N, C-alpha and C. Protein backbone atom coordinates (compact mmCIF):
# COMPACT_ATOMS: atom_id res chain seq x y z
N MET A 1 -9.86 -17.71 2.09
CA MET A 1 -9.35 -16.36 2.21
C MET A 1 -9.15 -16.01 3.68
N ALA A 2 -8.17 -15.18 3.89
CA ALA A 2 -7.83 -14.74 5.25
C ALA A 2 -8.74 -13.59 5.67
N GLU A 3 -8.71 -13.30 6.96
CA GLU A 3 -9.39 -12.11 7.46
C GLU A 3 -8.80 -10.90 6.74
N PRO A 4 -9.59 -9.86 6.55
CA PRO A 4 -9.06 -8.66 5.89
C PRO A 4 -7.93 -8.03 6.71
N VAL A 5 -7.03 -7.38 6.02
CA VAL A 5 -5.99 -6.58 6.66
C VAL A 5 -6.60 -5.20 6.88
N THR A 6 -6.52 -4.70 8.10
CA THR A 6 -7.03 -3.37 8.40
C THR A 6 -5.91 -2.52 8.99
N ALA A 7 -5.96 -1.25 8.68
CA ALA A 7 -4.98 -0.31 9.22
C ALA A 7 -5.64 1.06 9.30
N THR A 8 -5.27 1.82 10.31
CA THR A 8 -5.81 3.16 10.52
C THR A 8 -4.68 4.09 10.87
N VAL A 9 -4.76 5.31 10.35
CA VAL A 9 -3.77 6.33 10.66
C VAL A 9 -4.47 7.69 10.67
N HIS A 10 -4.00 8.59 11.50
CA HIS A 10 -4.51 9.97 11.52
C HIS A 10 -3.50 10.85 10.81
N ILE A 11 -4.00 11.73 9.95
CA ILE A 11 -3.14 12.63 9.19
C ILE A 11 -3.61 14.06 9.42
N ASN A 12 -2.67 14.94 9.70
CA ASN A 12 -2.98 16.34 9.97
C ASN A 12 -3.16 17.12 8.68
N ALA A 13 -4.14 16.68 7.90
CA ALA A 13 -4.49 17.34 6.64
C ALA A 13 -5.96 17.01 6.38
N PRO A 14 -6.65 17.87 5.64
CA PRO A 14 -8.07 17.61 5.37
C PRO A 14 -8.26 16.44 4.40
N PRO A 15 -9.44 15.81 4.43
CA PRO A 15 -9.70 14.67 3.53
C PRO A 15 -9.47 15.00 2.06
N GLU A 16 -9.79 16.21 1.64
CA GLU A 16 -9.60 16.59 0.23
C GLU A 16 -8.14 16.48 -0.18
N ARG A 17 -7.25 16.82 0.71
CA ARG A 17 -5.82 16.71 0.39
C ARG A 17 -5.36 15.26 0.43
N VAL A 18 -5.77 14.52 1.45
CA VAL A 18 -5.34 13.12 1.59
C VAL A 18 -5.85 12.29 0.42
N TYR A 19 -7.06 12.57 -0.03
CA TYR A 19 -7.66 11.84 -1.16
C TYR A 19 -6.74 11.86 -2.38
N GLN A 20 -6.10 12.99 -2.62
CA GLN A 20 -5.20 13.13 -3.78
C GLN A 20 -4.02 12.16 -3.71
N TYR A 21 -3.64 11.75 -2.52
CA TYR A 21 -2.50 10.85 -2.36
C TYR A 21 -2.85 9.40 -2.71
N PHE A 22 -4.10 9.17 -3.09
CA PHE A 22 -4.53 7.86 -3.59
C PHE A 22 -4.99 7.95 -5.04
N THR A 23 -5.03 9.16 -5.61
CA THR A 23 -5.60 9.32 -6.95
C THR A 23 -4.69 10.06 -7.93
N ARG A 24 -3.64 10.71 -7.47
CA ARG A 24 -2.72 11.42 -8.36
C ARG A 24 -1.37 10.71 -8.38
N PRO A 25 -0.85 10.36 -9.56
CA PRO A 25 0.41 9.62 -9.64
C PRO A 25 1.57 10.27 -8.90
N GLU A 26 1.76 11.58 -9.08
CA GLU A 26 2.89 12.24 -8.44
C GLU A 26 2.74 12.28 -6.92
N ALA A 27 1.52 12.23 -6.44
CA ALA A 27 1.28 12.23 -4.99
C ALA A 27 1.49 10.83 -4.41
N ILE A 28 0.97 9.79 -5.06
CA ILE A 28 1.09 8.45 -4.49
C ILE A 28 2.55 8.00 -4.44
N VAL A 29 3.34 8.34 -5.46
CA VAL A 29 4.74 7.89 -5.44
C VAL A 29 5.59 8.66 -4.43
N SER A 30 5.05 9.71 -3.84
CA SER A 30 5.80 10.40 -2.79
C SER A 30 5.85 9.58 -1.51
N TRP A 31 4.95 8.61 -1.35
CA TRP A 31 4.92 7.80 -0.12
C TRP A 31 4.92 6.30 -0.38
N MET A 32 4.52 5.89 -1.60
CA MET A 32 4.47 4.45 -1.90
C MET A 32 4.66 4.28 -3.40
N GLY A 33 5.70 3.57 -3.75
CA GLY A 33 5.90 3.23 -5.15
C GLY A 33 6.93 4.08 -5.85
N ASP A 34 7.35 3.56 -7.01
CA ASP A 34 8.37 4.20 -7.82
C ASP A 34 7.78 4.78 -9.10
N HIS A 35 6.67 4.19 -9.55
CA HIS A 35 6.02 4.60 -10.79
C HIS A 35 4.53 4.34 -10.63
N ALA A 36 3.72 5.26 -11.15
CA ALA A 36 2.27 5.08 -11.07
C ALA A 36 1.59 5.59 -12.33
N LEU A 37 0.57 4.88 -12.74
CA LEU A 37 -0.35 5.31 -13.77
C LEU A 37 -1.73 5.14 -13.15
N LEU A 38 -2.34 6.26 -12.79
CA LEU A 38 -3.63 6.22 -12.10
C LEU A 38 -4.68 6.93 -12.95
N GLU A 39 -5.75 6.22 -13.24
CA GLU A 39 -6.89 6.79 -13.95
C GLU A 39 -8.05 6.77 -12.97
N ALA A 40 -8.11 7.80 -12.14
CA ALA A 40 -9.03 7.84 -11.00
C ALA A 40 -10.48 8.10 -11.44
N ARG A 41 -11.07 7.06 -11.99
CA ARG A 41 -12.49 7.04 -12.38
C ARG A 41 -12.92 5.58 -12.34
N PRO A 42 -14.18 5.31 -12.13
CA PRO A 42 -14.63 3.91 -12.10
C PRO A 42 -14.21 3.19 -13.39
N GLY A 43 -13.53 2.06 -13.22
CA GLY A 43 -13.01 1.29 -14.35
C GLY A 43 -11.63 1.72 -14.80
N GLY A 44 -11.14 2.85 -14.30
CA GLY A 44 -9.82 3.35 -14.68
C GLY A 44 -8.70 2.50 -14.10
N ARG A 45 -7.58 2.51 -14.78
CA ARG A 45 -6.43 1.69 -14.36
C ARG A 45 -5.79 2.20 -13.08
N PHE A 46 -5.36 1.23 -12.25
CA PHE A 46 -4.57 1.49 -11.06
C PHE A 46 -3.29 0.69 -11.24
N VAL A 47 -2.22 1.37 -11.64
CA VAL A 47 -0.94 0.74 -11.93
C VAL A 47 0.09 1.37 -11.01
N LEU A 48 0.72 0.55 -10.20
CA LEU A 48 1.69 1.06 -9.22
C LEU A 48 2.82 0.05 -9.09
N ASP A 49 4.04 0.50 -9.32
CA ASP A 49 5.22 -0.35 -9.12
C ASP A 49 5.83 0.04 -7.79
N ILE A 50 5.90 -0.93 -6.88
CA ILE A 50 6.43 -0.69 -5.54
C ILE A 50 7.68 -1.52 -5.36
N LYS A 51 8.83 -0.87 -5.40
CA LYS A 51 10.11 -1.56 -5.21
C LYS A 51 10.21 -2.77 -6.14
N GLY A 52 9.82 -2.60 -7.39
CA GLY A 52 9.91 -3.66 -8.38
C GLY A 52 8.72 -4.62 -8.40
N VAL A 53 7.75 -4.41 -7.53
CA VAL A 53 6.56 -5.27 -7.49
C VAL A 53 5.46 -4.59 -8.29
N PRO A 54 4.98 -5.24 -9.37
CA PRO A 54 3.99 -4.60 -10.25
C PRO A 54 2.55 -4.81 -9.78
N VAL A 55 2.03 -3.85 -9.01
CA VAL A 55 0.64 -3.89 -8.56
C VAL A 55 -0.24 -3.46 -9.73
N ARG A 56 -1.28 -4.23 -10.00
CA ARG A 56 -2.19 -3.91 -11.09
C ARG A 56 -3.63 -4.10 -10.63
N GLY A 57 -4.48 -3.17 -11.02
CA GLY A 57 -5.89 -3.25 -10.69
C GLY A 57 -6.65 -2.14 -11.37
N HIS A 58 -7.84 -1.88 -10.86
CA HIS A 58 -8.70 -0.83 -11.40
C HIS A 58 -9.39 -0.11 -10.25
N TYR A 59 -9.69 1.15 -10.49
CA TYR A 59 -10.56 1.86 -9.57
C TYR A 59 -11.96 1.30 -9.75
N LEU A 60 -12.58 0.87 -8.68
CA LEU A 60 -13.92 0.30 -8.74
C LEU A 60 -14.98 1.33 -8.36
N GLN A 61 -14.70 2.07 -7.28
CA GLN A 61 -15.63 3.10 -6.82
C GLN A 61 -14.83 4.26 -6.25
N LEU A 62 -15.32 5.47 -6.51
CA LEU A 62 -14.72 6.68 -5.93
C LEU A 62 -15.84 7.57 -5.43
N ASP A 63 -15.68 8.05 -4.22
CA ASP A 63 -16.60 9.01 -3.61
C ASP A 63 -15.76 10.13 -3.01
N PRO A 64 -15.26 11.06 -3.85
CA PRO A 64 -14.36 12.10 -3.38
C PRO A 64 -15.02 12.99 -2.32
N PRO A 65 -14.33 13.35 -1.29
CA PRO A 65 -13.03 12.87 -0.83
C PRO A 65 -13.17 11.85 0.31
N HIS A 66 -14.17 10.99 0.24
CA HIS A 66 -14.48 10.12 1.38
C HIS A 66 -14.08 8.65 1.23
N ARG A 67 -14.09 8.13 0.01
CA ARG A 67 -13.91 6.68 -0.13
C ARG A 67 -13.33 6.35 -1.50
N ILE A 68 -12.46 5.34 -1.50
CA ILE A 68 -11.86 4.82 -2.73
C ILE A 68 -11.87 3.30 -2.61
N LEU A 69 -12.26 2.62 -3.67
CA LEU A 69 -12.21 1.16 -3.71
C LEU A 69 -11.47 0.77 -4.98
N VAL A 70 -10.38 0.02 -4.82
CA VAL A 70 -9.60 -0.43 -5.97
C VAL A 70 -9.42 -1.93 -5.91
N SER A 71 -9.32 -2.54 -7.09
CA SER A 71 -8.92 -3.95 -7.14
C SER A 71 -7.39 -3.97 -7.11
N TRP A 72 -6.82 -5.09 -6.62
CA TRP A 72 -5.38 -5.13 -6.34
C TRP A 72 -4.87 -6.55 -6.62
N GLY A 73 -3.75 -6.63 -7.26
CA GLY A 73 -3.07 -7.91 -7.50
C GLY A 73 -1.73 -7.61 -8.15
N TYR A 74 -1.03 -8.67 -8.57
CA TYR A 74 0.31 -8.51 -9.11
C TYR A 74 0.39 -9.05 -10.53
N ALA A 75 0.93 -8.24 -11.43
CA ALA A 75 1.12 -8.67 -12.81
C ALA A 75 1.99 -9.92 -12.83
N GLY A 76 1.56 -10.92 -13.57
CA GLY A 76 2.33 -12.15 -13.71
C GLY A 76 2.14 -13.15 -12.59
N SER A 77 1.31 -12.85 -11.61
CA SER A 77 1.10 -13.76 -10.48
C SER A 77 -0.12 -14.64 -10.72
N ASP A 78 0.05 -15.92 -10.46
CA ASP A 78 -1.10 -16.83 -10.47
C ASP A 78 -1.74 -16.88 -9.09
N HIS A 79 -0.96 -16.55 -8.07
CA HIS A 79 -1.41 -16.64 -6.69
C HIS A 79 -2.28 -15.44 -6.28
N LEU A 80 -1.89 -14.25 -6.71
CA LEU A 80 -2.66 -13.02 -6.44
C LEU A 80 -2.63 -12.19 -7.72
N PRO A 81 -3.37 -12.64 -8.74
CA PRO A 81 -3.34 -11.94 -10.03
C PRO A 81 -4.02 -10.58 -9.95
N PRO A 82 -3.79 -9.74 -10.95
CA PRO A 82 -4.42 -8.42 -10.95
C PRO A 82 -5.93 -8.52 -10.71
N GLY A 83 -6.39 -7.69 -9.79
CA GLY A 83 -7.81 -7.63 -9.49
C GLY A 83 -8.33 -8.69 -8.54
N ALA A 84 -7.47 -9.55 -8.00
CA ALA A 84 -7.92 -10.66 -7.16
C ALA A 84 -8.35 -10.22 -5.76
N SER A 85 -7.86 -9.08 -5.30
CA SER A 85 -8.23 -8.59 -3.97
C SER A 85 -8.70 -7.15 -4.12
N THR A 86 -9.27 -6.61 -3.06
CA THR A 86 -9.73 -5.22 -3.10
C THR A 86 -9.19 -4.45 -1.89
N VAL A 87 -8.92 -3.18 -2.13
CA VAL A 87 -8.48 -2.28 -1.08
C VAL A 87 -9.50 -1.15 -1.00
N GLU A 88 -10.06 -0.98 0.20
CA GLU A 88 -10.99 0.12 0.44
C GLU A 88 -10.32 1.11 1.37
N VAL A 89 -10.36 2.38 0.99
CA VAL A 89 -9.81 3.46 1.81
C VAL A 89 -10.96 4.40 2.13
N ARG A 90 -11.18 4.61 3.42
CA ARG A 90 -12.21 5.54 3.88
C ARG A 90 -11.52 6.72 4.58
N LEU A 91 -11.90 7.92 4.21
CA LEU A 91 -11.31 9.14 4.76
C LEU A 91 -12.40 9.89 5.52
N THR A 92 -12.13 10.16 6.80
CA THR A 92 -13.10 10.82 7.66
C THR A 92 -12.46 12.01 8.33
N ALA A 93 -13.09 13.19 8.19
CA ALA A 93 -12.61 14.37 8.90
C ALA A 93 -12.70 14.09 10.40
N CYS A 94 -11.58 14.34 11.09
CA CYS A 94 -11.51 13.98 12.51
C CYS A 94 -10.42 14.79 13.19
N ASP A 95 -10.74 15.45 14.29
CA ASP A 95 -9.75 16.17 15.11
C ASP A 95 -8.86 17.11 14.29
N GLY A 96 -9.46 17.86 13.40
CA GLY A 96 -8.70 18.82 12.61
C GLY A 96 -7.89 18.21 11.49
N GLY A 97 -8.05 16.95 11.23
CA GLY A 97 -7.33 16.26 10.16
C GLY A 97 -8.19 15.19 9.54
N THR A 98 -7.57 14.07 9.20
CA THR A 98 -8.27 12.97 8.54
C THR A 98 -7.90 11.65 9.17
N ARG A 99 -8.91 10.85 9.47
CA ARG A 99 -8.67 9.46 9.86
C ARG A 99 -8.76 8.64 8.58
N VAL A 100 -7.69 7.88 8.31
CA VAL A 100 -7.64 7.00 7.15
C VAL A 100 -7.86 5.59 7.67
N ASP A 101 -8.93 4.95 7.20
CA ASP A 101 -9.21 3.56 7.52
C ASP A 101 -9.06 2.76 6.25
N LEU A 102 -8.15 1.80 6.27
CA LEU A 102 -7.87 0.97 5.10
C LEU A 102 -8.26 -0.47 5.41
N GLU A 103 -8.89 -1.12 4.45
CA GLU A 103 -9.22 -2.54 4.58
C GLU A 103 -8.86 -3.23 3.27
N HIS A 104 -7.97 -4.21 3.36
CA HIS A 104 -7.54 -4.99 2.20
C HIS A 104 -8.18 -6.37 2.33
N ARG A 105 -9.11 -6.68 1.40
CA ARG A 105 -9.91 -7.91 1.47
C ARG A 105 -9.51 -8.90 0.38
N ASP A 106 -9.93 -10.15 0.61
CA ASP A 106 -9.80 -11.23 -0.37
C ASP A 106 -8.36 -11.66 -0.64
N LEU A 107 -7.51 -11.51 0.37
CA LEU A 107 -6.12 -11.96 0.24
C LEU A 107 -6.01 -13.44 0.58
N PRO A 108 -5.18 -14.18 -0.14
CA PRO A 108 -4.87 -15.54 0.32
C PRO A 108 -4.20 -15.47 1.70
N ALA A 109 -4.44 -16.46 2.53
CA ALA A 109 -3.94 -16.45 3.91
C ALA A 109 -2.43 -16.21 3.99
N ASP A 110 -1.67 -16.81 3.07
CA ASP A 110 -0.21 -16.64 3.14
C ASP A 110 0.25 -15.25 2.73
N GLN A 111 -0.63 -14.45 2.14
CA GLN A 111 -0.29 -13.09 1.75
C GLN A 111 -0.57 -12.07 2.86
N ARG A 112 -1.35 -12.46 3.86
CA ARG A 112 -1.78 -11.54 4.90
C ARG A 112 -0.61 -10.93 5.69
N PRO A 113 0.34 -11.74 6.20
CA PRO A 113 1.43 -11.13 7.00
C PRO A 113 2.21 -10.05 6.23
N GLY A 114 2.51 -10.29 4.98
CA GLY A 114 3.24 -9.30 4.20
C GLY A 114 2.46 -8.03 3.97
N HIS A 115 1.14 -8.18 3.80
CA HIS A 115 0.32 -6.99 3.59
C HIS A 115 0.08 -6.22 4.89
N VAL A 116 0.02 -6.92 6.03
CA VAL A 116 -0.05 -6.23 7.32
C VAL A 116 1.20 -5.37 7.47
N SER A 117 2.35 -5.96 7.24
CA SER A 117 3.62 -5.25 7.34
C SER A 117 3.68 -4.10 6.34
N GLY A 118 3.28 -4.38 5.11
CA GLY A 118 3.35 -3.37 4.06
C GLY A 118 2.46 -2.17 4.30
N TRP A 119 1.19 -2.42 4.65
CA TRP A 119 0.29 -1.29 4.87
C TRP A 119 0.69 -0.47 6.10
N THR A 120 1.20 -1.12 7.13
CA THR A 120 1.70 -0.39 8.30
C THR A 120 2.85 0.52 7.89
N HIS A 121 3.77 -0.03 7.13
CA HIS A 121 4.94 0.73 6.65
C HIS A 121 4.52 1.91 5.78
N TYR A 122 3.67 1.64 4.80
CA TYR A 122 3.34 2.69 3.85
C TYR A 122 2.39 3.75 4.41
N LEU A 123 1.46 3.38 5.26
CA LEU A 123 0.61 4.41 5.87
C LEU A 123 1.42 5.33 6.78
N ALA A 124 2.45 4.79 7.42
CA ALA A 124 3.34 5.64 8.23
C ALA A 124 4.07 6.65 7.33
N ARG A 125 4.36 6.28 6.10
CA ARG A 125 4.99 7.19 5.14
C ARG A 125 3.99 8.21 4.58
N LEU A 126 2.72 7.82 4.51
CA LEU A 126 1.68 8.74 4.04
C LEU A 126 1.51 9.92 5.00
N GLN A 127 1.67 9.67 6.30
CA GLN A 127 1.48 10.75 7.29
C GLN A 127 2.27 12.00 6.95
N PRO A 128 3.58 11.95 6.81
CA PRO A 128 4.30 13.18 6.47
C PRO A 128 4.04 13.65 5.03
N ALA A 129 3.92 12.70 4.10
CA ALA A 129 3.74 13.09 2.69
C ALA A 129 2.49 13.94 2.50
N ALA A 130 1.39 13.53 3.10
CA ALA A 130 0.12 14.24 2.91
C ALA A 130 0.09 15.58 3.62
N THR A 131 1.08 15.85 4.46
CA THR A 131 1.16 17.18 5.10
C THR A 131 2.23 18.04 4.44
N GLY A 132 2.74 17.58 3.29
CA GLY A 132 3.72 18.36 2.55
C GLY A 132 5.16 18.12 2.93
N GLN A 133 5.42 17.16 3.80
CA GLN A 133 6.79 16.83 4.20
C GLN A 133 7.26 15.63 3.40
N HIS A 134 8.56 15.54 3.20
CA HIS A 134 9.11 14.39 2.48
C HIS A 134 9.36 13.26 3.47
N PRO A 135 8.81 12.06 3.22
CA PRO A 135 9.01 10.97 4.17
C PRO A 135 10.39 10.33 4.10
N GLY A 136 11.25 10.81 3.21
CA GLY A 136 12.59 10.24 3.07
C GLY A 136 12.58 9.09 2.09
N PRO A 137 13.76 8.59 1.75
CA PRO A 137 13.83 7.47 0.81
C PRO A 137 13.13 6.24 1.40
N ASP A 138 12.47 5.49 0.54
CA ASP A 138 11.75 4.31 0.99
C ASP A 138 12.71 3.12 1.09
N PRO A 139 12.94 2.64 2.31
CA PRO A 139 13.81 1.48 2.46
C PRO A 139 13.13 0.19 2.03
N GLY A 140 11.85 0.26 1.70
CA GLY A 140 11.07 -0.94 1.41
C GLY A 140 10.44 -1.43 2.69
N MET A 141 9.40 -2.20 2.51
CA MET A 141 8.70 -2.67 3.70
C MET A 141 9.47 -3.80 4.36
N PRO A 142 9.37 -3.89 5.68
CA PRO A 142 10.07 -4.96 6.38
C PRO A 142 9.45 -6.31 6.04
N GLU A 143 10.28 -7.31 5.99
CA GLU A 143 9.79 -8.67 5.77
C GLU A 143 9.05 -9.13 7.01
N PRO A 144 7.96 -9.86 6.83
CA PRO A 144 7.30 -10.43 8.02
C PRO A 144 8.27 -11.35 8.74
N ARG A 145 8.23 -11.32 10.05
CA ARG A 145 9.14 -12.15 10.85
C ARG A 145 8.75 -13.62 10.72
N ARG A 146 9.72 -14.43 10.39
CA ARG A 146 9.50 -15.87 10.31
C ARG A 146 10.65 -16.56 11.02
N ALA A 147 10.32 -17.59 11.72
CA ALA A 147 11.36 -18.34 12.43
C ALA A 147 12.23 -19.06 11.40
N GLN A 148 13.55 -18.97 11.57
CA GLN A 148 14.48 -19.68 10.70
C GLN A 148 15.45 -20.45 11.58
N PRO A 149 15.76 -21.66 11.15
CA PRO A 149 16.73 -22.43 11.93
C PRO A 149 18.11 -21.79 11.89
N PRO A 150 18.89 -21.95 12.96
CA PRO A 150 20.25 -21.41 12.97
C PRO A 150 21.03 -21.96 11.77
N GLY A 151 21.89 -21.12 11.21
CA GLY A 151 22.72 -21.53 10.09
C GLY A 151 22.03 -21.34 8.74
N THR A 152 20.81 -20.83 8.74
CA THR A 152 20.09 -20.60 7.49
C THR A 152 20.69 -19.41 6.77
N LEU A 153 20.90 -19.53 5.48
CA LEU A 153 21.40 -18.41 4.70
C LEU A 153 20.22 -17.58 4.22
N THR A 154 20.33 -16.28 4.37
CA THR A 154 19.31 -15.38 3.88
C THR A 154 19.98 -14.33 3.02
N SER A 155 19.31 -13.89 1.98
CA SER A 155 19.90 -12.85 1.15
C SER A 155 19.36 -11.51 1.60
N HIS A 156 20.19 -10.51 1.48
CA HIS A 156 19.82 -9.15 1.82
C HIS A 156 19.80 -8.36 0.53
N ARG A 157 18.65 -7.78 0.20
CA ARG A 157 18.47 -7.11 -1.08
C ARG A 157 19.43 -5.95 -1.30
N ARG A 158 19.66 -5.17 -0.27
CA ARG A 158 20.48 -3.97 -0.48
C ARG A 158 21.91 -4.31 -0.84
N SER A 159 22.49 -5.25 -0.14
CA SER A 159 23.90 -5.52 -0.37
C SER A 159 24.12 -6.60 -1.42
N GLY A 160 23.08 -7.41 -1.66
CA GLY A 160 23.23 -8.52 -2.58
C GLY A 160 24.04 -9.66 -1.98
N ARG A 161 24.44 -9.52 -0.71
CA ARG A 161 25.23 -10.56 -0.04
C ARG A 161 24.33 -11.45 0.79
N SER A 162 24.76 -12.64 1.02
CA SER A 162 24.05 -13.53 1.93
C SER A 162 24.77 -13.51 3.26
N GLN A 163 23.99 -13.65 4.32
CA GLN A 163 24.59 -13.70 5.65
C GLN A 163 24.02 -14.89 6.37
N GLU A 164 24.84 -15.50 7.20
CA GLU A 164 24.37 -16.63 7.99
C GLU A 164 23.77 -16.11 9.28
N ARG A 165 22.63 -16.68 9.65
CA ARG A 165 21.98 -16.32 10.92
C ARG A 165 22.29 -17.36 11.94
């Protein structure tokens, strides 16, 4: 397993408000995901579809409004199946708002770069959402940068076209 992915962001809202953005379906999809079924209780389902990616897990521990621990994986994946990793979110009142500390553990090493990119992208979207602002349409998280030889064809999801690099 790789080192955990960690990310921190400050949000100008109290922990009680930010907590809801991890436990209420209509709140979480305002910053991450297209569809959610959240049963925010120990053992309750954590179902989140993010740009067609089916995240599946369960709430493991909840300490409102300070801490959330969920299992995390992908439906249909043998590499990172549902519940194979855990995401811990700690919310701390700080400087008139909330410091959000996220730690994603137990990821396979090859999954780490994508999750670093993803959590950075989505926590940046949480900042305006949790203060009542719309973060705008989600363009999806950026792909981790990988070296590609010249002349490699890559597909672009939005246009469906391939372009030569």
